[in-house]
């Protein structure tokens, strides 16, 4: 006799699977297409900035225009990634669809005039906005809308970097420190894969990174170079402290802008003047834009850091400074690609000082500073493997995990929640409190 109850359960599962595939496939394709357009426009804007050097003098004007437009027409879009994370945790007003075109245009404009920003934030906001718009149109229940927003993050992140596995894990890991949201695991993976495949289908490529260092058999315990791994762990500590400093500097300078420059559109005007003054004082434009490549020979670049035998001790600091000034004042874009540059540049400096192959240390810093600044060590290890290969999985993991531990409870995403605190023996955190409020509550309790 057939088990009718079991058949009914299987039928419900099949219907639910078909429902989610019908949602995710067109959504991820739309997100991938929008990200492909964004990457194409970003490349054209970067090339135009090199072809027309005078464009950087428009930075104060462009900054004023984009912040004024966000205030006048953007609504809640200005909250960016933090709005999406908040909506996943505590549904409220929703993620406005207008966020997608606003962030796409404003990020391209930021790069056109030379702002030091990235692209992850743009892709995540495009994904969150399209997912939120679809969820509202279909009147999804809060639980389903939450999964759809997570999938939007995964599709955007995976598509913009060409790392779909890291994109899926990042979307699940970034929401809470110490806990991964496994309930959206398969949908996030499907969305990230389809988003990445869509970008490739449009003929938009990604930057391919590689390092030359190849580990050799080492005599000793298990044939492992324990000295190398110990040096990587020490470097991971430095990477974590750098990530913490970046997050604290970004939040701190944002607070200073708010306090001393109440009129928001004026903040990027002042910041633009400061950046132009730094360009003049340093006599270089190397720290403008993404920093992945440069048309000017001799400029420090992310790709250059991954070449063997590099020696550069200061570029990471200048990129740190340019990026914090740019983003804290209201220019749009992400923090992640600048964090890649900062981490890789710092890795070159540490590798030179510690006698470690600089290309290997640059690759570790590439993902480790990002891991510390976003509290997503697993996603960053997977990203490192996707970008540099599984040969270096162990040093990548040591660098990312150490950086995660060393960065404390700092984060570039103030809307993150704390499920399990890293230190203090306090047990589970309060997942209802955003990170900034949680940290204040700990200080009030005398736990630092």
Foldseek 3Di string as FASTA:
>chain_A
DDDVVVVVVVVVVVVVVVVLCVVQLVLLLVLLVLLLVLLVLLVVLLVLCQVDVCLLVCQLVLLLVLVVCCVVPVPPLLVFPLVLLCCLLPNDPWQALVNLVSQSVLQSSQQNNFFQFAALSNLLSNLQSSLRVVCVVVVPDSVVSSLSSLLSQLSSNLQNAVQNVLSLQCSQDLQAQPDGDCVNNVSNSVSSVSSNVSSVVVVRDHDAAEADDFDDQAPDPVSDPVVVLVLLLVLLLVLLQVLLVLLCLLVVVLVVCCVPPVPLSNLSSVLSVVVVVVCVVVVDSCLTHLQQDDPDPPRRGLRVLLYWPDEAAPPLVVNSVSNSSRVSSRRHHHHLSSQLSNQLRNQLNSCVVSVHTSNLSSLLRSLQSVCSQSVRLVSSLSVSCVRYNPSCSVSSSSSNVSSNLSNFLGYNRQQHAYQAGSDQPPGGFDRVDGSVVSVVVCVVVVRD
